[in-house]
């Protein structure tokens, strides 16, 4: 017995506009895909590639994290991810407002974190953690509109001390830019709290100091 076929994605919004300097038809569908054509068919996935967007006058600057291979954005795999902006200018002000509303509604529906507490261990990740946080991690989180409180660890067990008293209600997750030791300290700090059974359910993430392209992938997988 053959089950019913899944229905194809439906257009949420479509319209002509200027995207990266070229006049084209842009379509946003219910599966979270932005599609357009320049020399060939292009697309972006809202869930995996779009960090966020901002309004700049008549334009919408869509901030994305896409694959780059020999300088060509392929929008498919995660082997080497780069930041790229797509500047879309709808033809009318009303159209721009509708596009922004639909893009924001879809991004909000993904359940991404709004606020993170971040530990940065300056001696972690071959002593590259601070630099990688400032140059790679922080810009990506800012582009995604994620608020953050950053704590650089000063001494051994510092992360444990902070985690043991942190007001967890203010955060959607805790991230360690470090080696494994800082994450272990955070877990031990959470387990030592009176509310440990609730505290230990706090989402945790780790971003080891490593090659920049792999850090981008780790941020994408952790937050998205």
C-alpha atoms as a PDB file:
ATOM      1  CA  UNK A   1       0.000   0.000   0.000  1.00  0.00           C
ATOM      2  CA  UNK A   2       1.445   3.340  -1.020  1.00  0.00           C
ATOM      3  CA  UNK A   3       1.081   6.245   1.406  1.00  0.00           C
ATOM      4  CA  UNK A   4       0.144   9.749   0.349  1.00  0.00           C
ATOM      5  CA  UNK A   5       2.902  11.702  -1.305  1.00  0.00           C
ATOM      6  CA  UNK A   6       4.269  14.628   0.642  1.00  0.00           C
ATOM      7  CA  UNK A   7       3.097  17.922  -0.742  1.00  0.00           C
ATOM      8  CA  UNK A   8       5.710  20.120  -2.421  1.00  0.00           C
ATOM      9  CA  UNK A   9       6.863  23.232  -0.557  1.00  0.00           C
ATOM     10  CA  UNK A  10       4.538  26.172  -1.009  1.00  0.00           C
ATOM     11  CA  UNK A  11       5.634  29.742  -1.756  1.00  0.00           C
ATOM     12  CA  UNK A  12       5.492  32.001   1.298  1.00  0.00           C
ATOM     13  CA  UNK A  13       6.636  35.105  -0.558  1.00  0.00           C
ATOM     14  CA  UNK A  14       7.859  35.908  -4.028  1.00  0.00           C
ATOM     15  CA  UNK A  15       8.683  39.009  -5.989  1.00  0.00           C
ATOM     16  CA  UNK A  16      11.139  40.729  -8.242  1.00  0.00           C
ATOM     17  CA  UNK A  17      14.012  42.688  -6.816  1.00  0.00           C
ATOM     18  CA  UNK A  18      17.703  43.410  -7.119  1.00  0.00           C
ATOM     19  CA  UNK A  19      19.862  40.744  -5.490  1.00  0.00           C
ATOM     20  CA  UNK A  20      23.608  41.394  -5.411  1.00  0.00           C
ATOM     21  CA  UNK A  21      23.202  43.878  -8.239  1.00  0.00           C
ATOM     22  CA  UNK A  22      21.071  41.761 -10.595  1.00  0.00           C
ATOM     23  CA  UNK A  23      17.328  42.067 -11.186  1.00  0.00           C
ATOM     24  CA  UNK A  24      15.745  38.673 -10.517  1.00  0.00           C
ATOM     25  CA  UNK A  25      12.698  36.846  -9.188  1.00  0.00           C
ATOM     26  CA  UNK A  26      13.197  35.722  -5.575  1.00  0.00           C
ATOM     27  CA  UNK A  27      11.009  33.006  -4.052  1.00  0.00           C
ATOM     28  CA  UNK A  28      10.810  32.036  -0.370  1.00  0.00           C
ATOM     29  CA  UNK A  29       9.156  28.653   0.174  1.00  0.00           C
ATOM     30  CA  UNK A  30       7.667  26.842   3.161  1.00  0.00           C
ATOM     31  CA  UNK A  31      10.683  24.511   3.432  1.00  0.00           C
ATOM     32  CA  UNK A  32      12.825  27.522   4.340  1.00  0.00           C
ATOM     33  CA  UNK A  33      14.507  27.956   0.969  1.00  0.00           C
ATOM     34  CA  UNK A  34      15.318  31.238  -0.743  1.00  0.00           C
ATOM     35  CA  UNK A  35      15.624  30.678  -4.487  1.00  0.00           C
ATOM     36  CA  UNK A  36      16.657  32.987  -7.308  1.00  0.00           C
ATOM     37  CA  UNK A  37      18.435  32.906 -10.652  1.00  0.00           C
ATOM     38  CA  UNK A  38      21.445  34.844 -11.884  1.00  0.00           C
ATOM     39  CA  UNK A  39      23.621  32.897 -14.309  1.00  0.00           C
ATOM     40  CA  UNK A  40      22.104  29.711 -12.880  1.00  0.00           C
ATOM     41  CA  UNK A  41      19.663  28.627 -10.183  1.00  0.00           C
ATOM     42  CA  UNK A  42      20.764  29.672  -6.689  1.00  0.00           C
ATOM     43  CA  UNK A  43      19.357  28.993  -3.248  1.00  0.00           C
ATOM     44  CA  UNK A  44      19.977  29.489   0.452  1.00  0.00           C
ATOM     45  CA  UNK A  45      18.587  27.371   3.279  1.00  0.00           C
ATOM     46  CA  UNK A  46      17.316  29.483   6.152  1.00  0.00           C
ATOM     47  CA  UNK A  47      17.968  26.800   8.761  1.00  0.00           C
ATOM     48  CA  UNK A  48      21.559  25.868   7.898  1.00  0.00           C
ATOM     49  CA  UNK A  49      23.012  28.822   5.998  1.00  0.00           C
ATOM     50  CA  UNK A  50      21.281  32.057   6.976  1.00  0.00           C
ATOM     51  CA  UNK A  51      22.639  33.655  10.148  1.00  0.00           C
ATOM     52  CA  UNK A  52      20.312  36.642  10.159  1.00  0.00           C
ATOM     53  CA  UNK A  53      19.554  39.844   8.302  1.00  0.00           C
ATOM     54  CA  UNK A  54      19.454  43.588   8.777  1.00  0.00           C
ATOM     55  CA  UNK A  55      17.657  46.450   7.067  1.00  0.00           C
ATOM     56  CA  UNK A  56      19.845  49.039   5.376  1.00  0.00           C
ATOM     57  CA  UNK A  57      17.648  51.709   3.835  1.00  0.00           C
ATOM     58  CA  UNK A  58      15.773  50.093   0.942  1.00  0.00           C
ATOM     59  CA  UNK A  59      17.920  46.965   1.132  1.00  0.00           C
ATOM     60  CA  UNK A  60      17.858  43.751   3.165  1.00  0.00           C
ATOM     61  CA  UNK A  61      21.332  42.432   3.932  1.00  0.00           C
ATOM     62  CA  UNK A  62      21.079  38.661   4.427  1.00  0.00           C
ATOM     63  CA  UNK A  63      24.037  37.301   6.392  1.00  0.00           C
ATOM     64  CA  UNK A  64      24.928  33.728   5.533  1.00  0.00           C
ATOM     65  CA  UNK A  65      27.521  31.047   6.162  1.00  0.00           C
ATOM     66  CA  UNK A  66      28.119  29.098   2.961  1.00  0.00           C
ATOM     67  CA  UNK A  67      30.670  26.782   1.453  1.00  0.00           C
ATOM     68  CA  UNK A  68      33.477  28.324  -0.524  1.00  0.00           C
ATOM     69  CA  UNK A  69      35.416  26.236  -3.014  1.00  0.00           C
ATOM     70  CA  UNK A  70      37.995  28.002  -5.160  1.00  0.00           C
ATOM     71  CA  UNK A  71      36.189  31.282  -4.564  1.00  0.00           C
ATOM     72  CA  UNK A  72      32.810  29.929  -5.688  1.00  0.00           C
ATOM     73  CA  UNK A  73      29.926  29.777  -3.214  1.00  0.00           C
ATOM     74  CA  UNK A  74      28.308  26.383  -3.598  1.00  0.00           C
ATOM     75  CA  UNK A  75      25.716  26.558  -0.776  1.00  0.00           C
ATOM     76  CA  UNK A  76      25.838  22.813  -0.247  1.00  0.00           C
ATOM     77  CA  UNK A  77      28.489  21.116   1.922  1.00  0.00           C
ATOM     78  CA  UNK A  78      30.301  22.181   5.094  1.00  0.00           C
ATOM     79  CA  UNK A  79      33.878  21.446   4.061  1.00  0.00           C
ATOM     80  CA  UNK A  80      35.002  25.078   4.066  1.00  0.00           C
ATOM     81  CA  UNK A  81      32.503  27.663   5.267  1.00  0.00           C
ATOM     82  CA  UNK A  82      32.814  31.401   4.699  1.00  0.00           C
ATOM     83  CA  UNK A  83      30.729  34.421   5.622  1.00  0.00           C
ATOM     84  CA  UNK A  84      28.923  35.980   2.687  1.00  0.00           C
ATOM     85  CA  UNK A  85      26.307  38.719   2.432  1.00  0.00           C
ATOM     86  CA  UNK A  86      23.433  38.707  -0.038  1.00  0.00           C
ATOM     87  CA  UNK A  87      21.990  42.189  -0.552  1.00  0.00           C
ATOM     88  CA  UNK A  88      18.360  42.104  -1.654  1.00  0.00           C
ATOM     89  CA  UNK A  89      16.459  45.243  -2.654  1.00  0.00           C
ATOM     90  CA  UNK A  90      12.707  44.677  -3.148  1.00  0.00           C
ATOM     91  CA  UNK A  91      11.094  47.049  -5.620  1.00  0.00           C
ATOM     92  CA  UNK A  92       8.692  48.684  -3.132  1.00  0.00           C
ATOM     93  CA  UNK A  93       8.718  49.669   0.544  1.00  0.00           C
ATOM     94  CA  UNK A  94       5.646  47.532   1.255  1.00  0.00           C
ATOM     95  CA  UNK A  95       7.348  44.543  -0.325  1.00  0.00           C
ATOM     96  CA  UNK A  96      10.441  45.091   1.803  1.00  0.00           C
ATOM     97  CA  UNK A  97       8.321  45.117   4.976  1.00  0.00           C
ATOM     98  CA  UNK A  98       6.637  41.845   3.995  1.00  0.00           C
ATOM     99  CA  UNK A  99       9.948  40.186   3.164  1.00  0.00           C
ATOM    100  CA  UNK A 100      11.402  41.222   6.525  1.00  0.00           C
ATOM    101  CA  UNK A 101       8.334  39.981   8.380  1.00  0.00           C
ATOM    102  CA  UNK A 102       8.418  36.550   6.714  1.00  0.00           C
ATOM    103  CA  UNK A 103      12.174  36.157   7.144  1.00  0.00           C
ATOM    104  CA  UNK A 104      11.982  37.109  10.831  1.00  0.00           C
ATOM    105  CA  UNK A 105       9.003  34.829  11.484  1.00  0.00           C
ATOM    106  CA  UNK A 106      10.815  31.874   9.924  1.00  0.00           C
ATOM    107  CA  UNK A 107      14.063  32.482  11.806  1.00  0.00           C
ATOM    108  CA  UNK A 108      12.141  32.824  15.081  1.00  0.00           C
ATOM    109  CA  UNK A 109      10.386  29.513  14.405  1.00  0.00           C
ATOM    110  CA  UNK A 110      13.731  27.667  14.348  1.00  0.00           C
ATOM    111  CA  UNK A 111      14.163  27.955  18.113  1.00  0.00           C
ATOM    112  CA  UNK A 112      17.725  29.232  17.989  1.00  0.00           C
ATOM    113  CA  UNK A 113      19.267  30.470  21.258  1.00  0.00           C
ATOM    114  CA  UNK A 114      18.799  34.144  22.065  1.00  0.00           C
ATOM    115  CA  UNK A 115      21.374  34.542  24.847  1.00  0.00           C
ATOM    116  CA  UNK A 116      24.505  32.511  25.630  1.00  0.00           C
ATOM    117  CA  UNK A 117      27.009  32.522  28.475  1.00  0.00           C
ATOM    118  CA  UNK A 118      30.464  31.934  27.014  1.00  0.00           C
ATOM    119  CA  UNK A 119      33.617  30.818  28.791  1.00  0.00           C
ATOM    120  CA  UNK A 120      36.863  31.602  26.980  1.00  0.00           C
ATOM    121  CA  UNK A 121      39.978  29.877  28.292  1.00  0.00           C
ATOM    122  CA  UNK A 122      42.959  31.893  26.981  1.00  0.00           C
ATOM    123  CA  UNK A 123      45.209  28.878  27.523  1.00  0.00           C
ATOM    124  CA  UNK A 124      42.887  26.435  25.769  1.00  0.00           C
ATOM    125  CA  UNK A 125      43.037  25.283  22.168  1.00  0.00           C
ATOM    126  CA  UNK A 126      46.829  25.614  21.910  1.00  0.00           C
ATOM    127  CA  UNK A 127      46.471  29.126  23.383  1.00  0.00           C
ATOM    128  CA  UNK A 128      44.466  30.236  20.334  1.00  0.00           C
ATOM    129  CA  UNK A 129      41.047  30.263  22.006  1.00  0.00           C
ATOM    130  CA  UNK A 130      40.867  34.017  22.707  1.00  0.00           C
ATOM    131  CA  UNK A 131      41.915  34.959  19.197  1.00  0.00           C
ATOM    132  CA  UNK A 132      39.539  32.483  17.586  1.00  0.00           C
ATOM    133  CA  UNK A 133      36.662  33.697  19.738  1.00  0.00           C
ATOM    134  CA  UNK A 134      37.265  37.345  18.823  1.00  0.00           C
ATOM    135  CA  UNK A 135      37.970  36.773  15.126  1.00  0.00           C
ATOM    136  CA  UNK A 136      35.609  33.919  14.256  1.00  0.00           C
ATOM    137  CA  UNK A 137      33.081  32.921  16.915  1.00  0.00           C
ATOM    138  CA  UNK A 138      31.914  36.317  18.153  1.00  0.00           C
ATOM    139  CA  UNK A 139      31.287  37.794  14.667  1.00  0.00           C
ATOM    140  CA  UNK A 140      29.162  34.772  13.688  1.00  0.00           C
ATOM    141  CA  UNK A 141      27.057  34.956  16.844  1.00  0.00           C
ATOM    142  CA  UNK A 142      26.609  38.712  16.412  1.00  0.00           C
ATOM    143  CA  UNK A 143      25.487  38.214  12.812  1.00  0.00           C
ATOM    144  CA  UNK A 144      22.941  35.693  14.103  1.00  0.00           C
ATOM    145  CA  UNK A 145      21.618  38.264  16.587  1.00  0.00           C
ATOM    146  CA  UNK A 146      22.631  36.182  19.609  1.00  0.00           C
ATOM    147  CA  UNK A 147      23.324  38.102  22.813  1.00  0.00           C
ATOM    148  CA  UNK A 148      26.255  36.887  24.887  1.00  0.00           C
ATOM    149  CA  UNK A 149      27.962  37.336  28.217  1.00  0.00           C
ATOM    150  CA  UNK A 150      31.647  36.442  27.974  1.00  0.00           C
ATOM    151  CA  UNK A 151      33.796  35.277  30.878  1.00  0.00           C
ATOM    152  CA  UNK A 152      37.508  34.737  30.361  1.00  0.00           C
ATOM    153  CA  UNK A 153      38.752  32.174  32.855  1.00  0.00           C
ATOM    154  CA  UNK A 154      41.476  33.492  35.160  1.00  0.00           C
ATOM    155  CA  UNK A 155      42.617  30.406  37.020  1.00  0.00           C
ATOM    156  CA  UNK A 156      42.041  26.690  37.502  1.00  0.00           C
ATOM    157  CA  UNK A 157      38.446  25.860  38.564  1.00  0.00           C
ATOM    158  CA  UNK A 158      37.279  29.379  37.707  1.00  0.00           C
ATOM    159  CA  UNK A 159      34.651  28.012  35.300  1.00  0.00           C
ATOM    160  CA  UNK A 160      33.400  25.640  38.013  1.00  0.00           C
ATOM    161  CA  UNK A 161      33.032  28.520  40.469  1.00  0.00           C
ATOM    162  CA  UNK A 162      31.084  30.648  38.000  1.00  0.00           C
ATOM    163  CA  UNK A 163      28.832  27.788  36.859  1.00  0.00           C
ATOM    164  CA  UNK A 164      27.967  26.908  40.458  1.00  0.00           C
ATOM    165  CA  UNK A 165      26.320  30.308  41.062  1.00  0.00           C
ATOM    166  CA  UNK A 166      25.309  31.435  37.561  1.00  0.00           C
ATOM    167  CA  UNK A 167      21.713  32.619  37.111  1.00  0.00           C
ATOM    168  CA  UNK A 168      20.803  30.046  34.488  1.00  0.00           C
ATOM    169  CA  UNK A 169      17.359  31.537  33.869  1.00  0.00           C
ATOM    170  CA  UNK A 170      19.017  34.357  31.916  1.00  0.00           C
ATOM    171  CA  UNK A 171      20.626  32.058  29.337  1.00  0.00           C
ATOM    172  CA  UNK A 172      19.673  29.535  26.673  1.00  0.00           C
ATOM    173  CA  UNK A 173      22.987  27.723  26.857  1.00  0.00           C
ATOM    174  CA  UNK A 174      26.612  27.725  28.018  1.00  0.00           C
ATOM    175  CA  UNK A 175      29.481  27.549  25.537  1.00  0.00           C
ATOM    176  CA  UNK A 176      33.144  26.829  26.244  1.00  0.00           C
ATOM    177  CA  UNK A 177      35.769  28.111  23.816  1.00  0.00           C
ATOM    178  CA  UNK A 178      38.552  25.999  25.210  1.00  0.00           C
ATOM    179  CA  UNK A 179      39.857  22.496  25.651  1.00  0.00           C
ATOM    180  CA  UNK A 180      37.929  19.723  27.392  1.00  0.00           C
ATOM    181  CA  UNK A 181      39.005  20.825  30.879  1.00  0.00           C
ATOM    182  CA  UNK A 182      36.822  23.929  30.984  1.00  0.00           C
ATOM    183  CA  UNK A 183      33.757  21.957  29.926  1.00  0.00           C
ATOM    184  CA  UNK A 184      34.427  19.420  32.692  1.00  0.00           C
ATOM    185  CA  UNK A 185      34.661  22.280  35.201  1.00  0.00           C
ATOM    186  CA  UNK A 186      31.315  23.662  34.032  1.00  0.00           C
ATOM    187  CA  UNK A 187      29.627  20.259  34.357  1.00  0.00           C
ATOM    188  CA  UNK A 188      31.055  19.801  37.857  1.00  0.00           C
ATOM    189  CA  UNK A 189      29.892  23.293  38.799  1.00  0.00           C
ATOM    190  CA  UNK A 190      26.359  22.521  37.629  1.00  0.00           C
ATOM    191  CA  UNK A 191      26.331  19.182  39.456  1.00  0.00           C
ATOM    192  CA  UNK A 192      27.415  20.879  42.684  1.00  0.00           C
ATOM    193  CA  UNK A 193      24.424  23.230  42.764  1.00  0.00           C
ATOM    194  CA  UNK A 194      21.399  22.700  44.980  1.00  0.00           C
ATOM    195  CA  UNK A 195      19.266  22.767  41.832  1.00  0.00           C
ATOM    196  CA  UNK A 196      21.626  20.376  40.035  1.00  0.00           C
ATOM    197  CA  UNK A 197      18.858  18.186  38.610  1.00  0.00           C
ATOM    198  CA  UNK A 198      17.519  21.195  36.703  1.00  0.00           C
ATOM    199  CA  UNK A 199      20.870  22.896  36.091  1.00  0.00           C
ATOM    200  CA  UNK A 200      22.392  19.880  34.362  1.00  0.00           C
ATOM    201  CA  UNK A 201      19.710  20.142  31.661  1.00  0.00           C
ATOM    202  CA  UNK A 202      21.230  23.437  30.498  1.00  0.00           C
ATOM    203  CA  UNK A 203      22.444  22.980  26.886  1.00  0.00           C
ATOM    204  CA  UNK A 204      26.255  22.944  26.742  1.00  0.00           C
ATOM    205  CA  UNK A 205      28.574  23.441  23.798  1.00  0.00           C
ATOM    206  CA  UNK A 206      32.316  23.369  23.227  1.00  0.00           C
ATOM    207  CA  UNK A 207      34.328  25.088  20.513  1.00  0.00           C
ATOM    208  CA  UNK A 208      37.945  23.907  20.644  1.00  0.00           C
ATOM    209  CA  UNK A 209      40.579  26.327  19.396  1.00  0.00           C
ATOM    210  CA  UNK A 210      41.410  24.859  16.003  1.00  0.00           C
ATOM    211  CA  UNK A 211      41.629  25.675  12.322  1.00  0.00           C
ATOM    212  CA  UNK A 212      39.232  28.524  11.551  1.00  0.00           C
ATOM    213  CA  UNK A 213      37.196  26.658   8.958  1.00  0.00           C
ATOM    214  CA  UNK A 214      36.438  23.848  11.421  1.00  0.00           C
ATOM    215  CA  UNK A 215      35.524  26.365  14.123  1.00  0.00           C
ATOM    216  CA  UNK A 216      32.912  27.825  11.749  1.00  0.00           C
ATOM    217  CA  UNK A 217      31.440  24.360  11.262  1.00  0.00           C
ATOM    218  CA  UNK A 218      31.387  23.780  15.033  1.00  0.00           C
ATOM    219  CA  UNK A 219      29.574  27.073  15.632  1.00  0.00           C
ATOM    220  CA  UNK A 220      27.050  26.223  12.915  1.00  0.00           C
ATOM    221  CA  UNK A 221      26.335  22.754  14.319  1.00  0.00           C
ATOM    222  CA  UNK A 222      26.135  23.998  17.911  1.00  0.00           C
ATOM    223  CA  UNK A 223      23.833  26.979  17.391  1.00  0.00           C
ATOM    224  CA  UNK A 224      21.826  25.851  14.376  1.00  0.00           C
END
